[in-house]
Structure formats: structure tokens, C-alpha cells
Amino acid sequence: MERCTCSSSSQITHIIILMCVFVVMSETLVHGQGTRVGFYATTCPRAESIVSSTVATHFRSNTAIAPALLRMHFHDCFVRGCDASVLIDGSNTEKTAPPNLGFRGYEVIDDAKTQLEAACPGIVSCADILALAARDSVVLTGGRSWLVPTGRRDGRVSLASETTDLPGFRESIDSQKQKFSAKGLNTQDLVVLVGGHTIGTTACQFFSYRLYNFNGTASSDPSINASFLPQLQALCPQNGDGTKRVAFDTGSENRFDASFFANLRNGRGILESDQKLWTDASTRAIVQRFLGITGLAAFNVEFGRSMVKMSNTGVKTGTDGEIRKICSAINS
């Protein structure tokens, strides 16, 4: 779009300024695809407080809910945009795909939806509940809050085959960049959002191949710190239980901090795709920005910004999509 320029003529300056303001507002609206902060201020003023209190209640019983909800929102946005398609039940839906099989926390979204339908029937989308719950999960684990634009509507299609859009645990940095770029996210967004692994766990089956016969070498992945390797092998014995959970961020799995990046620097990344953020020169400089005390402050700020960008990926607004009555099923 052409840049607005304002004339110095006093007779037309006021009109030009108004036109500039209109264009800027229009560009902002288009960029946000119709979402805005405070979307429910009039139609359901308690929407955000209901979601946050629901997440907090479940978190008190099970802290693992926080990283689960954060990851669920990420997986939702990378497939068909942020439209709650990841929540739909049924055969061959996103829920049934390998990347989503270990998900927990669906009951938190269902609980919040039940309360919202009682307070404001047919108003608040499941996609917005998921976006808000992800933010609240970060706050509950010690991260910084951010303003969440709302106004998304729910999708009506969910296909397991489309989860190939999600970055994989063996994926190269170039491939990860391509998948993020396809969603309008840059390399910094990639590093920042993967930093969400500062909380939560993964299963041995997603990284144990690095510990014993990496790429057919009959040895371990050389990017793993030699002193860390025995610890990982004890947690995930060869031919052991592949479903056993291991912290992404060793020693800090329940705190939203920047120690995840320090672990990458020290060769203590769990997933191969995570460790590559340090071994690849194109992303290492960004990781370095988030080291130390000043790095934590920067990470908290950038995480909120990148989450807002991601949460506006392919959203449905206006008359597109629907407001589901039940998050696990499209409306009949």
C-alpha cells in the first residue's frame, strides 16, 4: 500500500490527516484480520476472567496443564489457522494425528466453555478460549502477561493429514523456517516460540534415538553434552518405555524462564530440532540474546509479541466459521 503523505497547506491538512488515520486504522484491522483486544467487552465482559479462573483452578490440581494448553494453541494455529480445529473429536481429525496424541488439557477448555455458555450463550469461540488459556498458562508459570486480541470464530474442518504443517522433532532449521514463514512468522518468531519449551515435558520416543545409534553411527548425537548423556540414558534406557516423560528444560520445567536457551548453549537440549537452534549459525545469535538476566526480560517481551502474531494466523472472523456450542464438535 502507498504511504500516506500530508500536505503543508493549512486548508487541506486536516482532511489529509483524517485520511491518514483512516488508512492506518484500516491497515491495522486487516493485519489483525478482524481480531482486537477487548472484543467481548460489551457482549461478554466476564469472558477473560472466566477463562483465567478456570485455567487457574485446573492448574492448582495439575501444573502440567499449563504447558499442555500453550502447546495446544500452537498446534491449533499451525493447522488451518487459530480456529480450534485441534479440539474437534472424530476419526481422522487433528486430535488423532501423532503430533497431538499426547495432548492433555481438553477438559480445561470444555470447562471454560460450559461456564461461558451459561454466562453468554453463543458468544465466545473455542478458538478464543484456547488463545486466552495459553496466555494464562504462561502467567501461572511465572511468565509475563500480554494483551490477547480476540474475535476469532471456530472452524468446521479438522483433518489429521494436515498436521504435516507442524514442525517435527527431527526437522532442520531451514525446514522449520519454511514452515514458520508459511504462517507469516520470521526466524526470531521461530526461536521465541520454540522457547515455550521452557515449560513442560516430552516423551522418550521423540528423542531417545539421539542417545544410542544416532543416524546409524552406533553412537550418540555429538551435539549432546557428554556429561549430560548418561543422565538422559538413565531416564530413557535403550528399548525402554517410550512414553516416559522428560522435561524439555532440565531443572526448570515448571517455570517460564530463559534457562531453556542456556541449556541449548550447554548442549542440553532434549529434542534434536531444539538443539539445532544453537548449532545452526542463523538462529544461534537470536538464542544468545535470551541468555542471562537481560535475556530473560527480552524473552518475556518478545514471547508475547510472537504469540500475538501467531494467534492471528489464518483466523476466521465476521461471518466466517461459527461459534461452537461444544468445543469438541461442530454445530449441527
Protein backbone atom coordinates (compact mmCIF):
# COMPACT_ATOMS: atom_id res chain seq x y z
CA MET A 1 0.00 0.00 0.00
CA GLU A 2 1.21 3.50 -0.77
CA ARG A 3 2.50 5.55 2.14
CA CYS A 4 0.32 8.50 3.23
CA THR A 5 1.94 11.94 2.97
CA CYS A 6 0.40 15.05 4.42
CA SER A 7 0.36 18.40 2.61
CA SER A 8 1.66 21.53 4.29
CA SER A 9 -1.34 23.51 3.04
CA SER A 10 -3.41 24.57 6.04
CA GLN A 11 -6.63 24.31 4.03
CA ILE A 12 -6.33 20.60 3.34
CA THR A 13 -4.09 19.40 6.16
CA HIS A 14 -6.99 18.43 8.42
CA ILE A 15 -8.63 16.33 5.69
CA ILE A 16 -5.36 14.61 4.80
CA ILE A 17 -4.67 13.79 8.46
CA LEU A 18 -8.09 12.21 8.77
CA MET A 19 -7.40 10.16 5.64
CA CYS A 20 -4.02 9.04 7.02
CA VAL A 21 -5.63 7.96 10.29
CA PHE A 22 -8.29 6.03 8.37
CA VAL A 23 -5.66 4.22 6.27
CA VAL A 24 -3.55 3.33 9.31
CA MET A 25 -6.60 2.01 11.14
CA SER A 26 -7.60 0.00 8.08
CA GLU A 27 -4.13 -1.48 7.69
CA THR A 28 -4.11 -2.44 11.37
CA LEU A 29 -7.51 -4.08 11.11
CA VAL A 30 -6.51 -6.07 8.04
CA HIS A 31 -3.21 -7.14 9.62
CA GLY A 32 -5.09 -8.38 12.68
CA GLN A 33 -7.69 -9.98 10.42
CA GLY A 34 -10.52 -8.53 12.48
CA THR A 35 -9.39 -9.56 15.96
CA ARG A 36 -8.97 -6.90 18.62
CA VAL A 37 -8.22 -6.57 22.29
CA GLY A 38 -11.44 -6.34 24.30
CA PHE A 39 -13.65 -7.88 21.62
CA TYR A 40 -16.04 -9.23 24.29
CA ALA A 41 -16.08 -6.11 26.48
CA THR A 42 -19.77 -5.48 25.75
CA THR A 43 -21.13 -8.86 24.67
CA CYS A 44 -19.47 -10.95 27.40
CA PRO A 45 -17.49 -8.74 29.81
CA ARG A 46 -16.52 -11.65 32.08
CA ALA A 47 -15.12 -13.78 29.24
CA GLU A 48 -11.43 -13.36 30.02
CA SER A 49 -11.88 -13.64 33.79
CA ILE A 50 -13.90 -16.86 33.40
CA VAL A 51 -11.14 -18.40 31.27
CA SER A 52 -8.34 -17.30 33.60
CA SER A 53 -10.09 -18.54 36.75
CA THR A 54 -10.87 -21.87 35.08
CA VAL A 55 -7.26 -22.37 33.99
CA ALA A 56 -6.04 -21.40 37.48
CA THR A 57 -8.38 -23.91 39.14
CA HIS A 58 -7.14 -26.77 36.97
CA PHE A 59 -3.52 -25.63 37.32
CA ARG A 60 -3.74 -25.90 41.11
CA SER A 61 -4.63 -29.57 40.72
CA ASN A 62 -2.17 -30.31 37.93
CA THR A 63 0.63 -27.92 36.92
CA ALA A 64 1.23 -29.95 33.73
CA ILE A 65 -1.92 -28.32 32.36
CA ALA A 66 -0.05 -25.06 31.65
CA PRO A 67 2.45 -26.31 29.05
CA ALA A 68 -0.24 -28.56 27.57
CA LEU A 69 -2.55 -25.62 26.87
CA LEU A 70 0.28 -23.50 25.49
CA ARG A 71 1.31 -26.27 23.12
CA MET A 72 -2.29 -26.98 22.12
CA HIS A 73 -2.74 -23.37 20.98
CA PHE A 74 0.49 -23.57 18.95
CA HIS A 75 -0.60 -26.81 17.27
CA ASP A 76 -4.02 -25.34 16.57
CA CYS A 77 -2.65 -22.23 14.87
CA PHE A 78 -0.25 -24.13 12.63
CA VAL A 79 -3.05 -26.20 11.10
CA ARG A 80 -5.81 -24.25 9.32
CA GLY A 81 -5.07 -21.19 11.45
CA CYS A 82 -6.21 -20.47 15.00
CA ASP A 83 -9.74 -21.88 14.67
CA ALA A 84 -9.91 -24.54 17.40
CA SER A 85 -9.83 -27.33 14.80
CA VAL A 86 -7.47 -29.21 17.13
CA LEU A 87 -10.34 -29.64 19.61
CA ILE A 88 -12.75 -31.49 17.30
CA ASP A 89 -13.46 -35.16 18.06
CA GLY A 90 -13.80 -37.83 15.39
CA SER A 91 -11.85 -40.25 13.23
CA ASN A 92 -9.01 -38.75 11.22
CA THR A 93 -9.24 -35.39 12.97
CA GLU A 94 -6.21 -33.43 14.16
CA LYS A 95 -6.68 -34.95 17.62
CA THR A 96 -5.89 -38.40 16.21
CA ALA A 97 -2.64 -37.39 14.47
CA PRO A 98 0.70 -38.48 16.03
CA PRO A 99 1.82 -34.94 16.97
CA ASN A 100 -1.33 -34.47 19.07
CA LEU A 101 -1.85 -37.90 20.63
CA GLY A 102 -0.23 -37.00 23.95
CA PHE A 103 -2.19 -33.81 24.48
CA ARG A 104 -3.78 -33.09 27.85
CA GLY A 105 -6.00 -30.22 28.90
CA TYR A 106 -9.06 -30.62 26.70
CA GLU A 107 -11.15 -30.74 29.87
CA VAL A 108 -9.96 -27.24 30.82
CA ILE A 109 -11.26 -25.78 27.55
CA ASP A 110 -14.53 -27.72 27.92
CA ASP A 111 -14.95 -26.46 31.50
CA ALA A 112 -14.40 -22.84 30.46
CA LYS A 113 -16.77 -23.24 27.51
CA THR A 114 -19.52 -24.64 29.75
CA GLN A 115 -19.24 -21.64 32.06
CA LEU A 116 -19.15 -19.17 29.17
CA GLU A 117 -22.21 -20.71 27.53
CA ALA A 118 -24.05 -20.27 30.83
CA ALA A 119 -22.97 -16.65 31.13
CA CYS A 120 -23.05 -15.59 27.45
CA PRO A 121 -24.64 -18.23 25.20
CA GLY A 122 -23.25 -18.43 21.68
CA ILE A 123 -20.82 -15.54 22.09
CA VAL A 124 -17.29 -16.73 22.91
CA SER A 125 -15.46 -19.00 20.47
CA CYS A 126 -13.44 -22.05 21.43
CA ALA A 127 -10.55 -20.59 19.42
CA ASP A 128 -10.51 -17.52 21.67
CA ILE A 129 -10.74 -19.65 24.80
CA LEU A 130 -7.65 -21.54 23.64
CA ALA A 131 -5.74 -18.32 22.89
CA LEU A 132 -6.60 -16.85 26.29
CA ALA A 133 -5.83 -20.10 28.12
CA ALA A 134 -2.37 -20.20 26.53
CA ARG A 135 -1.60 -16.70 27.82
CA ASP A 136 -2.95 -17.51 31.28
CA SER A 137 -0.82 -20.66 31.38
CA VAL A 138 2.34 -18.64 30.78
CA VAL A 139 1.38 -16.20 33.55
CA LEU A 140 0.68 -19.02 36.02
CA THR A 141 4.17 -20.42 35.46
CA GLY A 142 5.87 -17.07 36.05
CA GLY A 143 5.90 -15.52 32.59
CA ARG A 144 4.85 -12.03 31.63
CA SER A 145 1.28 -11.35 30.53
CA TRP A 146 0.25 -9.80 27.20
CA LEU A 147 -2.95 -8.46 25.68
CA VAL A 148 -4.71 -11.13 23.62
CA PRO A 149 -6.67 -9.94 20.58
CA THR A 150 -9.97 -11.82 20.41
CA GLY A 151 -12.79 -12.16 17.92
CA ARG A 152 -11.83 -15.48 16.30
CA ARG A 153 -14.52 -17.85 15.14
CA ASP A 154 -14.33 -21.64 15.13
CA GLY A 155 -13.58 -23.76 12.10
CA ARG A 156 -15.68 -26.66 10.89
CA VAL A 157 -12.93 -28.85 9.40
CA SER A 158 -10.26 -30.92 11.16
CA LEU A 159 -8.00 -33.30 9.23
CA ALA A 160 -5.21 -35.41 10.66
CA SER A 161 -3.41 -35.29 7.29
CA GLU A 162 -2.88 -31.54 7.62
CA THR A 163 -0.77 -31.82 10.78
CA THR A 164 2.25 -32.16 8.48
CA ASP A 165 2.26 -28.35 8.66
CA LEU A 166 3.63 -28.72 12.20
CA PRO A 167 7.42 -28.62 12.65
CA GLY A 168 8.80 -32.05 13.54
CA PHE A 169 11.26 -33.05 16.25
CA ARG A 170 13.92 -34.05 13.68
CA GLU A 171 13.34 -31.08 11.39
CA SER A 172 16.22 -28.97 10.08
CA ILE A 173 16.33 -25.25 10.81
CA ASP A 174 15.75 -24.45 7.13
CA SER A 175 12.63 -26.61 7.10
CA GLN A 176 11.41 -25.07 10.37
CA LYS A 177 11.95 -21.60 8.91
CA GLN A 178 9.89 -22.51 5.86
CA LYS A 179 7.00 -23.76 7.96
CA PHE A 180 7.05 -20.64 10.15
CA SER A 181 7.36 -18.37 7.13
CA ALA A 182 4.28 -20.00 5.61
CA LYS A 183 2.38 -18.72 8.67
CA GLY A 184 3.81 -15.21 8.39
CA LEU A 185 6.35 -15.79 11.15
CA ASN A 186 10.05 -14.97 10.87
CA THR A 187 13.22 -16.56 12.25
CA GLN A 188 13.02 -14.65 15.52
CA ASP A 189 9.44 -15.82 16.00
CA LEU A 190 10.69 -19.37 15.44
CA VAL A 191 13.31 -19.14 18.20
CA VAL A 192 10.99 -17.28 20.57
CA LEU A 193 8.03 -19.62 20.18
CA VAL A 194 10.14 -22.76 20.44
CA GLY A 195 11.28 -21.14 23.70
CA GLY A 196 7.86 -22.12 25.00
CA HIS A 197 9.61 -25.42 25.74
CA THR A 198 10.86 -23.67 28.86
CA ILE A 199 7.86 -25.38 30.46
CA GLY A 200 6.60 -28.93 30.04
CA THR A 201 7.82 -32.36 29.05
CA THR A 202 8.22 -34.63 26.06
CA ALA A 203 8.27 -38.41 25.68
CA CYS A 204 11.40 -40.57 25.34
CA GLN A 205 10.17 -41.83 21.97
CA PHE A 206 10.79 -38.40 20.45
CA PHE A 207 14.48 -38.16 21.29
CA SER A 208 15.88 -41.50 22.52
CA TYR A 209 17.24 -42.19 19.01
CA ARG A 210 19.78 -39.43 19.74
CA LEU A 211 21.18 -41.37 22.68
CA TYR A 212 22.29 -44.70 21.23
CA ASN A 213 22.53 -45.05 17.45
CA PHE A 214 22.24 -41.56 16.05
CA ASN A 215 21.95 -41.66 12.26
CA GLY A 216 23.35 -45.20 12.24
CA THR A 217 26.64 -44.19 13.86
CA ALA A 218 26.34 -46.64 16.77
CA SER A 219 27.00 -43.60 18.96
CA SER A 220 25.08 -40.67 20.42
CA ASP A 221 24.30 -37.31 18.85
CA PRO A 222 27.58 -35.36 19.17
CA SER A 223 25.68 -32.16 19.95
CA ILE A 224 24.62 -33.63 23.33
CA ASN A 225 26.86 -32.56 26.19
CA ALA A 226 28.96 -35.60 27.17
CA SER A 227 28.26 -35.11 30.88
CA PHE A 228 24.51 -34.85 30.21
CA LEU A 229 24.29 -38.01 28.10
CA PRO A 230 24.35 -40.54 31.00
CA GLN A 231 21.51 -38.64 32.68
CA LEU A 232 19.36 -38.88 29.57
CA GLN A 233 20.25 -42.55 29.07
CA ALA A 234 19.19 -43.29 32.65
CA LEU A 235 15.85 -41.56 32.03
CA CYS A 236 15.32 -43.27 28.67
CA PRO A 237 17.05 -46.69 28.59
CA GLN A 238 17.57 -48.31 25.21
CA ASN A 239 14.38 -50.19 24.24
CA GLY A 240 12.71 -48.76 27.37
CA ASP A 241 9.29 -47.17 27.85
CA GLY A 242 8.91 -44.70 25.01
CA THR A 243 6.01 -42.92 26.70
CA LYS A 244 8.03 -41.87 29.76
CA ARG A 245 8.01 -38.07 30.15
CA VAL A 246 11.18 -35.98 30.41
CA ALA A 247 11.45 -32.23 30.99
CA PHE A 248 12.27 -30.07 27.96
CA ASP A 249 14.08 -27.61 30.25
CA THR A 250 16.10 -29.68 32.71
CA GLY A 251 15.76 -28.34 36.26
CA SER A 252 13.12 -25.75 35.36
CA GLU A 253 10.19 -27.50 33.72
CA ASN A 254 7.55 -25.64 35.78
CA ARG A 255 8.99 -22.12 35.49
CA PHE A 256 8.58 -19.88 32.48
CA ASP A 257 12.11 -18.52 32.28
CA ALA A 258 15.04 -18.34 29.85
CA SER A 259 17.04 -21.30 31.17
CA PHE A 260 15.88 -23.28 28.13
CA PHE A 261 18.21 -21.18 26.00
CA ALA A 262 21.12 -21.66 28.41
CA ASN A 263 20.53 -25.40 28.15
CA LEU A 264 20.77 -25.19 24.35
CA ARG A 265 24.08 -23.34 24.66
CA ASN A 266 25.34 -26.05 27.01
CA GLY A 267 24.34 -28.96 24.75
CA ARG A 268 21.42 -29.92 26.98
CA GLY A 269 18.58 -29.54 24.51
CA ILE A 270 16.23 -32.53 24.53
CA LEU A 271 14.74 -32.52 21.05
CA GLU A 272 17.06 -32.55 18.06
CA SER A 273 15.07 -29.72 16.46
CA ASP A 274 15.52 -27.61 19.62
CA GLN A 275 19.28 -28.19 19.89
CA LYS A 276 19.68 -27.15 16.27
CA LEU A 277 18.68 -23.61 17.30
CA TRP A 278 22.16 -23.42 18.84
CA THR A 279 24.17 -25.47 16.35
CA ASP A 280 22.79 -23.54 13.36
CA ALA A 281 24.53 -20.18 12.97
CA SER A 282 21.41 -18.47 11.61
CA THR A 283 19.50 -18.96 14.88
CA ARG A 284 22.34 -19.05 17.42
CA ALA A 285 22.62 -15.25 17.55
CA ILE A 286 18.95 -14.99 18.48
CA VAL A 287 19.33 -17.62 21.19
CA GLN A 288 22.27 -15.63 22.58
CA ARG A 289 20.01 -12.58 23.01
CA PHE A 290 17.94 -14.50 25.54
CA LEU A 291 20.78 -15.60 27.81
CA GLY A 292 21.25 -14.12 31.28
CA ILE A 293 19.10 -11.69 33.29
CA THR A 294 18.68 -9.17 30.47
CA GLY A 295 17.90 -12.07 28.16
CA LEU A 296 15.00 -13.15 30.34
CA ALA A 297 13.43 -9.70 30.18
CA ALA A 298 13.83 -9.62 26.40
CA PHE A 299 12.40 -13.12 26.04
CA ASN A 300 9.30 -12.28 28.07
CA VAL A 301 8.57 -9.25 25.90
CA GLU A 302 9.28 -10.99 22.61
CA PHE A 303 7.29 -14.09 23.55
CA GLY A 304 4.12 -12.04 24.00
CA ARG A 305 4.69 -10.28 20.66
CA SER A 306 5.30 -13.52 18.79
CA MET A 307 2.28 -15.15 20.40
CA VAL A 308 0.07 -12.30 19.20
CA LYS A 309 1.46 -12.69 15.67
CA MET A 310 0.92 -16.44 15.72
CA SER A 311 -2.56 -16.13 17.23
CA ASN A 312 -3.67 -14.06 14.22
CA THR A 313 -2.64 -16.78 11.77
CA GLY A 314 -5.45 -17.62 9.38
CA VAL A 315 -8.18 -16.63 11.82
CA LYS A 316 -11.84 -16.74 10.91
CA THR A 317 -13.82 -13.61 11.77
CA GLY A 318 -17.07 -11.89 10.87
CA THR A 319 -19.41 -14.40 9.22
CA ASP A 320 -16.71 -16.99 8.54
CA GLY A 321 -16.77 -20.12 10.69
CA GLU A 322 -19.07 -20.44 13.67
CA ILE A 323 -19.26 -20.20 17.45
CA ARG A 324 -19.34 -23.82 18.58
CA LYS A 325 -21.73 -24.74 21.36
CA ILE A 326 -19.39 -27.60 22.35
CA CYS A 327 -15.71 -27.27 21.60
CA SER A 328 -15.24 -30.91 20.62
CA ALA A 329 -17.94 -30.89 17.94
CA ILE A 330 -19.07 -28.62 15.12
CA ASN A 331 -22.62 -27.28 15.37
CA SER A 332 -25.26 -29.47 13.76
